[in-house]
PDB file of N, CA and C in Angstrom:
ATOM      1  N   MET A   1       0.752  -0.943   0.208  1.00  0.00           N
ATOM      2  CA  MET A   1      -0.095   0.210   0.001  1.00  0.00           C
ATOM      3  C   MET A   1       0.587   1.400  -0.013  1.00  0.00           C
ATOM      4  N   LYS A   2       0.833   2.082  -0.938  1.00  0.00           N
ATOM      5  CA  LYS A   2       1.006   3.152  -0.674  1.00  0.00           C
ATOM      6  C   LYS A   2       1.192   4.283   0.364  1.00  0.00           C
ATOM      7  N   LYS A   3       2.174   4.957   0.356  1.00  0.00           N
ATOM      8  CA  LYS A   3       1.463   5.297   2.319  1.00  0.00           C
ATOM      9  C   LYS A   3       1.716   7.100   1.647  1.00  0.00           C
ATOM     10  N   TRP A   4       1.896   7.348   0.995  1.00  0.00           N
ATOM     11  CA  TRP A   4       1.968   8.764   0.253  1.00  0.00           C
ATOM     12  C   TRP A   4       1.740   9.299  -0.699  1.00  0.00           C
ATOM     13  N   ILE A   5       1.050  10.546  -1.196  1.00  0.00           N
ATOM     14  CA  ILE A   5       0.885  10.419  -2.538  1.00  0.00           C
ATOM     15  C   ILE A   5       1.157  12.513  -3.151  1.00  0.00           C
ATOM     16  N   VAL A   6       1.771  12.813  -4.228  1.00  0.00           N
ATOM     17  CA  VAL A   6       1.282  14.141  -4.616  1.00  0.00           C
ATOM     18  C   VAL A   6       1.432  13.785  -5.774  1.00  0.00           C
ATOM     19  N   ILE A   7      -0.866  14.620  -6.087  1.00  0.00           N
ATOM     20  CA  ILE A   7      -1.689  15.323  -6.837  1.00  0.00           C
ATOM     21  C   ILE A   7      -1.175  15.649  -8.326  1.00  0.00           C
ATOM     22  N   ASN A   8      -0.193  16.775  -8.097  1.00  0.00           N
ATOM     23  CA  ASN A   8       0.522  16.690  -9.237  1.00  0.00           C
ATOM     24  C   ASN A   8       1.806  17.202  -9.571  1.00  0.00           C
ATOM     25  N   PRO A   9       1.791  17.258 -10.334  1.00  0.00           N
ATOM     26  CA  PRO A   9       4.073  16.935 -10.882  1.00  0.00           C
ATOM     27  C   PRO A   9       4.313  18.538 -10.608  1.00  0.00           C
ATOM     28  N   GLU A  10       3.676  19.230 -10.016  1.00  0.00           N
ATOM     29  CA  GLU A  10       3.382  21.489  -9.811  1.00  0.00           C
ATOM     30  C   GLU A  10       3.494  20.979  -8.548  1.00  0.00           C
ATOM     31  N   ASP A  11       2.950  20.367  -8.176  1.00  0.00           N
ATOM     32  CA  ASP A  11       2.883  20.576  -6.242  1.00  0.00           C
ATOM     33  C   ASP A  11       3.693  20.549  -5.497  1.00  0.00           C
ATOM     34  N   LEU A  12       3.816  21.476  -4.371  1.00  0.00           N
ATOM     35  CA  LEU A  12       4.679  21.343  -3.403  1.00  0.00           C
ATOM     36  C   LEU A  12       4.344  21.405  -1.858  1.00  0.00           C
ATOM     37  N   VAL A  13       3.219  20.681  -2.132  1.00  0.00           N
ATOM     38  CA  VAL A  13       3.377  18.902  -0.703  1.00  0.00           C
ATOM     39  C   VAL A  13       3.108  17.351  -1.106  1.00  0.00           C
ATOM     40  N   GLY A  14       3.120  17.215  -0.359  1.00  0.00           N
ATOM     41  CA  GLY A  14       2.865  15.170  -0.750  1.00  0.00           C
ATOM     42  C   GLY A  14       1.557  15.474   0.457  1.00  0.00           C
ATOM     43  N   VAL A  15       1.043  14.184   0.521  1.00  0.00           N
ATOM     44  CA  VAL A  15      -0.570  14.344   1.681  1.00  0.00           C
ATOM     45  C   VAL A  15      -0.299  12.668   2.483  1.00  0.00           C
ATOM     46  N   ALA A  16      -0.232  12.682   2.971  1.00  0.00           N
ATOM     47  CA  ALA A  16       0.671  11.304   3.891  1.00  0.00           C
ATOM     48  C   ALA A  16      -1.468  10.275   4.176  1.00  0.00           C
ATOM     49  N   LEU A  17      -1.271   9.543   3.702  1.00  0.00           N
ATOM     50  CA  LEU A  17      -1.949   8.385   3.426  1.00  0.00           C
ATOM     51  C   LEU A  17      -2.048   7.445   4.305  1.00  0.00           C
ATOM     52  N   THR A  18      -1.338   7.312   5.862  1.00  0.00           N
ATOM     53  CA  THR A  18      -1.133   6.788   7.170  1.00  0.00           C
ATOM     54  C   THR A  18      -0.499   7.762   7.660  1.00  0.00           C
ATOM     55  N   ASP A  19      -0.578   7.654   8.710  1.00  0.00           N
ATOM     56  CA  ASP A  19       1.007   8.339   9.537  1.00  0.00           C
ATOM     57  C   ASP A  19       1.831   7.863   9.648  1.00  0.00           C
ATOM     58  N   LEU A  20       2.121   9.082   9.137  1.00  0.00           N
ATOM     59  CA  LEU A  20       4.091   8.679   8.698  1.00  0.00           C
ATOM     60  C   LEU A  20       5.095   9.857   9.666  1.00  0.00           C
ATOM     61  N   PRO A  21       6.313   8.351  10.095  1.00  0.00           N
ATOM     62  CA  PRO A  21       6.935   9.055  11.484  1.00  0.00           C
ATOM     63  C   PRO A  21       8.079  10.333  11.402  1.00  0.00           C
ATOM     64  N   ALA A  22       8.709  11.156  11.851  1.00  0.00           N
ATOM     65  CA  ALA A  22       9.631  12.033  11.582  1.00  0.00           C
ATOM     66  C   ALA A  22      10.662  10.530  10.577  1.00  0.00           C
ATOM     67  N   GLY A  23      11.432  11.058  10.544  1.00  0.00           N
ATOM     68  CA  GLY A  23      12.766  10.404   9.788  1.00  0.00           C
ATOM     69  C   GLY A  23      12.049   9.214   7.961  1.00  0.00           C
ATOM     70  N   PHE A  24      10.985   8.863   8.005  1.00  0.00           N
ATOM     71  CA  PHE A  24      10.501   8.545   6.938  1.00  0.00           C
ATOM     72  C   PHE A  24      10.809   8.922   5.730  1.00  0.00           C
ATOM     73  N   ALA A  25      11.608   7.368   4.983  1.00  0.00           N
ATOM     74  CA  ALA A  25      12.210   8.099   3.937  1.00  0.00           C
ATOM     75  C   ALA A  25      10.792   8.252   3.153  1.00  0.00           C
ATOM     76  N   VAL A  26      10.793   9.596   2.038  1.00  0.00           N
ATOM     77  CA  VAL A  26       9.945  10.096   0.505  1.00  0.00           C
ATOM     78  C   VAL A  26      10.680   9.507   0.009  1.00  0.00           C
ATOM     79  N   GLU A  27      10.158   8.742  -1.335  1.00  0.00           N
ATOM     80  CA  GLU A  27      11.032   8.417  -2.629  1.00  0.00           C
ATOM     81  C   GLU A  27      10.862   8.761  -3.825  1.00  0.00           C
ATOM     82  N   LEU A  28      11.182  10.304  -4.329  1.00  0.00           N
ATOM     83  CA  LEU A  28      11.086  11.547  -5.066  1.00  0.00           C
ATOM     84  C   LEU A  28      11.168  11.069  -6.514  1.00  0.00           C
ATOM     85  N   PRO A  29      10.912  10.928  -7.471  1.00  0.00           N
ATOM     86  CA  PRO A  29      11.301  11.123  -8.527  1.00  0.00           C
ATOM     87  C   PRO A  29      13.410  11.405  -8.933  1.00  0.00           C
ATOM     88  N   ASP A  30      13.532  12.770  -7.850  1.00  0.00           N
ATOM     89  CA  ASP A  30      14.950  12.768  -8.249  1.00  0.00           C
ATOM     90  C   ASP A  30      15.348  13.644  -6.506  1.00  0.00           C
ATOM     91  N   GLN A  31      15.355  12.588  -5.705  1.00  0.00           N
ATOM     92  CA  GLN A  31      15.433  12.785  -4.564  1.00  0.00           C
ATOM     93  C   GLN A  31      14.785  11.692  -3.788  1.00  0.00           C
ATOM     94  N   VAL A  32      15.323  11.407  -2.506  1.00  0.00           N
ATOM     95  CA  VAL A  32      14.829  10.420  -1.015  1.00  0.00           C
ATOM     96  C   VAL A  32      14.581  12.352   0.253  1.00  0.00           C
ATOM     97  N   LEU A  33      13.662  12.571   0.369  1.00  0.00           N
ATOM     98  CA  LEU A  33      13.015  12.963   1.113  1.00  0.00           C
ATOM     99  C   LEU A  33      12.349  12.581   2.411  1.00  0.00           C
ATOM    100  N   ILE A  34      13.617  13.310   3.159  1.00  0.00           N
ATOM    101  CA  ILE A  34      13.442  12.587   4.601  1.00  0.00           C
ATOM    102  C   ILE A  34      12.235  13.865   5.454  1.00  0.00           C
ATOM    103  N   LEU A  35      11.625  13.116   6.047  1.00  0.00           N
ATOM    104  CA  LEU A  35       9.928  13.562   6.563  1.00  0.00           C
ATOM    105  C   LEU A  35      11.224  14.013   8.226  1.00  0.00           C
ATOM    106  N   SER A  36      11.019  14.966   8.191  1.00  0.00           N
ATOM    107  CA  SER A  36      11.324  16.399   9.992  1.00  0.00           C
ATOM    108  C   SER A  36      10.800  15.949  10.491  1.00  0.00           C
ATOM    109  N   GLU A  37       9.144  15.607  10.765  1.00  0.00           N
ATOM    110  CA  GLU A  37       8.256  15.493  12.130  1.00  0.00           C
ATOM    111  C   GLU A  37       7.309  14.658  11.426  1.00  0.00           C
ATOM    112  N   ASP A  38       6.759  14.087  12.808  1.00  0.00           N
ATOM    113  CA  ASP A  38       5.469  13.153  12.375  1.00  0.00           C
ATOM    114  C   ASP A  38       4.132  13.795  10.889  1.00  0.00           C
ATOM    115  N   ILE A  39       3.865  13.091  10.493  1.00  0.00           N
ATOM    116  CA  ILE A  39       3.263  13.390   9.350  1.00  0.00           C
ATOM    117  C   ILE A  39       1.262  12.486   9.804  1.00  0.00           C
ATOM    118  N   PRO A  40       0.701  13.432  10.855  1.00  0.00           N
ATOM    119  CA  PRO A  40      -0.515  12.628  10.563  1.00  0.00           C
ATOM    120  C   PRO A  40      -1.161  11.921   9.472  1.00  0.00           C
ATOM    121  N   ARG A  41      -2.065  11.147   9.593  1.00  0.00           N
ATOM    122  CA  ARG A  41      -2.746  10.481   7.666  1.00  0.00           C
ATOM    123  C   ARG A  41      -3.494  12.006   7.259  1.00  0.00           C
ATOM    124  N   GLY A  42      -3.396  12.274   6.512  1.00  0.00           N
ATOM    125  CA  GLY A  42      -4.018  12.748   5.218  1.00  0.00           C
ATOM    126  C   GLY A  42      -4.140  14.526   5.251  1.00  0.00           C
ATOM    127  N   HIS A  43      -2.618  14.722   5.916  1.00  0.00           N
ATOM    128  CA  HIS A  43      -1.929  15.895   6.529  1.00  0.00           C
ATOM    129  C   HIS A  43      -0.578  15.639   5.121  1.00  0.00           C
ATOM    130  N   LYS A  44      -0.246  16.928   5.194  1.00  0.00           N
ATOM    131  CA  LYS A  44       0.872  17.976   3.993  1.00  0.00           C
ATOM    132  C   LYS A  44       1.897  18.183   4.225  1.00  0.00           C
ATOM    133  N   PHE A  45       2.832  17.723   3.583  1.00  0.00           N
ATOM    134  CA  PHE A  45       4.106  17.537   3.713  1.00  0.00           C
ATOM    135  C   PHE A  45       5.159  17.869   2.657  1.00  0.00           C
ATOM    136  N   SER A  46       6.014  19.243   3.373  1.00  0.00           N
ATOM    137  CA  SER A  46       6.413  20.153   1.984  1.00  0.00           C
ATOM    138  C   SER A  46       7.233  19.597   1.513  1.00  0.00           C
ATOM    139  N   LEU A  47       7.117  18.923  -0.148  1.00  0.00           N
ATOM    140  CA  LEU A  47       9.010  18.597  -0.671  1.00  0.00           C
ATOM    141  C   LEU A  47       9.751  19.029  -1.000  1.00  0.00           C
ATOM    142  N   ARG A  48      10.107  21.174  -0.597  1.00  0.00           N
ATOM    143  CA  ARG A  48      10.799  21.427   0.176  1.00  0.00           C
ATOM    144  C   ARG A  48      10.772  22.353   0.700  1.00  0.00           C
ATOM    145  N   ALA A  49      11.823  23.193   1.009  1.00  0.00           N
ATOM    146  CA  ALA A  49      12.074  24.275   1.781  1.00  0.00           C
ATOM    147  C   ALA A  49      11.449  24.971   1.607  1.00  0.00           C
ATOM    148  N   LEU A  50       9.978  25.427   1.602  1.00  0.00           N
ATOM    149  CA  LEU A  50       9.821  26.673   1.681  1.00  0.00           C
ATOM    150  C   LEU A  50       9.692  27.849   2.469  1.00  0.00           C
ATOM    151  N   GLU A  51       9.785  29.268   2.374  1.00  0.00           N
ATOM    152  CA  GLU A  51       9.809  30.903   2.879  1.00  0.00           C
ATOM    153  C   GLU A  51       8.613  31.244   3.634  1.00  0.00           C
ATOM    154  N   ALA A  52       8.679  32.031   3.901  1.00  0.00           N
ATOM    155  CA  ALA A  52       7.258  32.504   4.341  1.00  0.00           C
ATOM    156  C   ALA A  52       6.820  33.853   3.603  1.00  0.00           C
ATOM    157  N   GLY A  53       5.931  32.961   3.406  1.00  0.00           N
ATOM    158  CA  GLY A  53       5.444  34.209   2.544  1.00  0.00           C
ATOM    159  C   GLY A  53       4.832  33.233   0.601  1.00  0.00           C
ATOM    160  N   GLU A  54       5.885  32.500   1.202  1.00  0.00           N
ATOM    161  CA  GLU A  54       5.005  31.846  -0.840  1.00  0.00           C
ATOM    162  C   GLU A  54       4.026  30.945  -0.368  1.00  0.00           C
ATOM    163  N   ALA A  55       3.794  30.656  -1.389  1.00  0.00           N
ATOM    164  CA  ALA A  55       2.510  29.919  -2.214  1.00  0.00           C
ATOM    165  C   ALA A  55       2.454  29.155  -1.947  1.00  0.00           C
ATOM    166  N   VAL A  56       2.027  27.969  -1.229  1.00  0.00           N
ATOM    167  CA  VAL A  56       1.565  26.612  -0.772  1.00  0.00           C
ATOM    168  C   VAL A  56       0.662  26.094  -1.976  1.00  0.00           C
ATOM    169  N   VAL A  57       1.146  25.041  -2.782  1.00  0.00           N
ATOM    170  CA  VAL A  57       0.664  24.384  -4.373  1.00  0.00           C
ATOM    171  C   VAL A  57       0.730  22.804  -4.467  1.00  0.00           C
ATOM    172  N   LYS A  58      -1.108  22.599  -4.305  1.00  0.00           N
ATOM    173  CA  LYS A  58      -1.725  20.949  -3.900  1.00  0.00           C
ATOM    174  C   LYS A  58      -2.605  21.981  -4.876  1.00  0.00           C
ATOM    175  N   TYR A  59      -2.914  19.982  -6.343  1.00  0.00           N
ATOM    176  CA  TYR A  59      -3.756  19.800  -6.793  1.00  0.00           C
ATOM    177  C   TYR A  59      -3.270  20.873  -8.109  1.00  0.00           C
ATOM    178  N   GLY A  60      -1.759  20.957  -7.805  1.00  0.00           N
ATOM    179  CA  GLY A  60      -1.656  22.274  -9.238  1.00  0.00           C
ATOM    180  C   GLY A  60      -2.059  23.950  -8.666  1.00  0.00           C
ATOM    181  N   MET A  61      -2.647  24.013  -7.852  1.00  0.00           N
ATOM    182  CA  MET A  61      -2.854  25.297  -7.743  1.00  0.00           C
ATOM    183  C   MET A  61      -2.057  25.975  -5.575  1.00  0.00           C
ATOM    184  N   PRO A  62      -2.138  27.053  -6.793  1.00  0.00           N
ATOM    185  CA  PRO A  62      -1.959  27.640  -4.741  1.00  0.00           C
ATOM    186  C   PRO A  62      -3.179  27.363  -3.757  1.00  0.00           C
ATOM    187  N   ILE A  63      -3.261  26.898  -2.739  1.00  0.00           N
ATOM    188  CA  ILE A  63      -4.183  26.882  -1.697  1.00  0.00           C
ATOM    189  C   ILE A  63      -4.123  28.359  -0.934  1.00  0.00           C
ATOM    190  N   GLY A  64      -2.629  28.425  -0.518  1.00  0.00           N
ATOM    191  CA  GLY A  64      -2.421  29.039   0.877  1.00  0.00           C
ATOM    192  C   GLY A  64      -1.083  29.598   0.705  1.00  0.00           C
ATOM    193  N   HIS A  65      -0.546  30.478   1.630  1.00  0.00           N
ATOM    194  CA  HIS A  65       0.745  31.177   2.047  1.00  0.00           C
ATOM    195  C   HIS A  65       0.722  30.512   2.893  1.00  0.00           C
ATOM    196  N   ALA A  66       2.955  30.143   2.596  1.00  0.00           N
ATOM    197  CA  ALA A  66       3.338  29.878   4.213  1.00  0.00           C
ATOM    198  C   ALA A  66       3.435  30.833   4.989  1.00  0.00           C
ATOM    199  N   LYS A  67       2.800  30.952   6.782  1.00  0.00           N
ATOM    200  CA  LYS A  67       3.304  31.998   7.777  1.00  0.00           C
ATOM    201  C   LYS A  67       4.588  32.381   8.240  1.00  0.00           C
ATOM    202  N   VAL A  68       5.666  30.792   7.990  1.00  0.00           N
ATOM    203  CA  VAL A  68       6.133  30.749   8.144  1.00  0.00           C
ATOM    204  C   VAL A  68       7.301  30.191   7.933  1.00  0.00           C
ATOM    205  N   ALA A  69       8.870  30.298   8.034  1.00  0.00           N
ATOM    206  CA  ALA A  69       9.416  29.528   6.525  1.00  0.00           C
ATOM    207  C   ALA A  69       9.053  27.399   7.184  1.00  0.00           C
ATOM    208  N   VAL A  70       8.713  26.810   6.270  1.00  0.00           N
ATOM    209  CA  VAL A  70       8.557  25.277   6.676  1.00  0.00           C
ATOM    210  C   VAL A  70      10.125  24.368   5.892  1.00  0.00           C
ATOM    211  N   PRO A  71      10.386  23.822   6.507  1.00  0.00           N
ATOM    212  CA  PRO A  71      11.030  22.699   6.117  1.00  0.00           C
ATOM    213  C   PRO A  71      11.314  21.787   4.887  1.00  0.00           C
ATOM    214  N   ALA A  72      11.678  21.689   4.334  1.00  0.00           N
ATOM    215  CA  ALA A  72      11.938  20.296   3.234  1.00  0.00           C
ATOM    216  C   ALA A  72      11.458  19.389   3.962  1.00  0.00           C
ATOM    217  N   GLY A  73       9.762  18.418   3.875  1.00  0.00           N
ATOM    218  CA  GLY A  73       9.477  17.308   5.487  1.00  0.00           C
ATOM    219  C   GLY A  73       8.691  17.860   5.838  1.00  0.00           C
ATOM    220  N   GLY A  74       8.858  18.910   6.801  1.00  0.00           N
ATOM    221  CA  GLY A  74       7.758  19.396   7.738  1.00  0.00           C
ATOM    222  C   GLY A  74       6.636  19.322   7.387  1.00  0.00           C
ATOM    223  N   HIS A  75       5.226  19.512   8.290  1.00  0.00           N
ATOM    224  CA  HIS A  75       3.780  19.136   8.764  1.00  0.00           C
ATOM    225  C   HIS A  75       3.281  20.151   7.714  1.00  0.00           C
ATOM    226  N   VAL A  76       2.775  20.160   7.103  1.00  0.00           N
ATOM    227  CA  VAL A  76       2.278  21.934   6.559  1.00  0.00           C
ATOM    228  C   VAL A  76      -0.036  21.132   6.779  1.00  0.00           C
ATOM    229  N   HIS A  77       0.282  22.780   7.553  1.00  0.00           N
ATOM    230  CA  HIS A  77      -1.390  22.434   8.259  1.00  0.00           C
ATOM    231  C   HIS A  77      -1.401  24.306   8.025  1.00  0.00           C
ATOM    232  N   THR A  78      -2.578  24.014   9.435  1.00  0.00           N
ATOM    233  CA  THR A  78      -2.746  25.736   9.366  1.00  0.00           C
ATOM    234  C   THR A  78      -2.055  26.310  10.734  1.00  0.00           C
ATOM    235  N   HIS A  79      -1.152  25.386  10.946  1.00  0.00           N
ATOM    236  CA  HIS A  79      -0.803  26.082  12.215  1.00  0.00           C
ATOM    237  C   HIS A  79       0.820  26.813  11.872  1.00  0.00           C
ATOM    238  N   ASN A  80       1.272  26.727  10.259  1.00  0.00           N
ATOM    239  CA  ASN A  80       1.722  27.122   9.583  1.00  0.00           C
ATOM    240  C   ASN A  80       1.841  27.843   8.078  1.00  0.00           C
ATOM    241  N   ILE A  81       0.130  27.245   7.405  1.00  0.00           N
ATOM    242  CA  ILE A  81       0.048  27.971   6.662  1.00  0.00           C
ATOM    243  C   ILE A  81      -1.702  29.371   6.950  1.00  0.00           C
ATOM    244  N   LYS A  82      -1.627  29.874   6.118  1.00  0.00           N
ATOM    245  CA  LYS A  82      -2.624  30.809   5.583  1.00  0.00           C
ATOM    246  C   LYS A  82      -3.214  30.380   4.557  1.00  0.00           C
ATOM    247  N   THR A  83      -4.517  29.763   4.303  1.00  0.00           N
ATOM    248  CA  THR A  83      -5.272  29.380   3.668  1.00  0.00           C
ATOM    249  C   THR A  83      -5.322  30.494   2.315  1.00  0.00           C
ATOM    250  N   GLY A  84      -5.955  30.703   1.178  1.00  0.00           N
ATOM    251  CA  GLY A  84      -6.184  32.309   0.266  1.00  0.00           C
ATOM    252  C   GLY A  84      -7.461  32.148  -0.388  1.00  0.00           C
TER     253      GLY A  84
END
């Protein structure tokens, strides 16, 4: 069973399909991303570092903006993004 998904190739976030622990290796086409935090099922994680104010892209569309810098592999949720 797949444990995560990237919905659109332009997305900056992946989605956990099951609870993922910090240290989990996400194998992307061009790199292996190590999650820096626990990611609950259904929540997003950053595929690369995001700068404060940067658009967060999911479904190939901006869904909001990062309120603070988010490291690659970091949990992306209401605590650090503002919906658009």
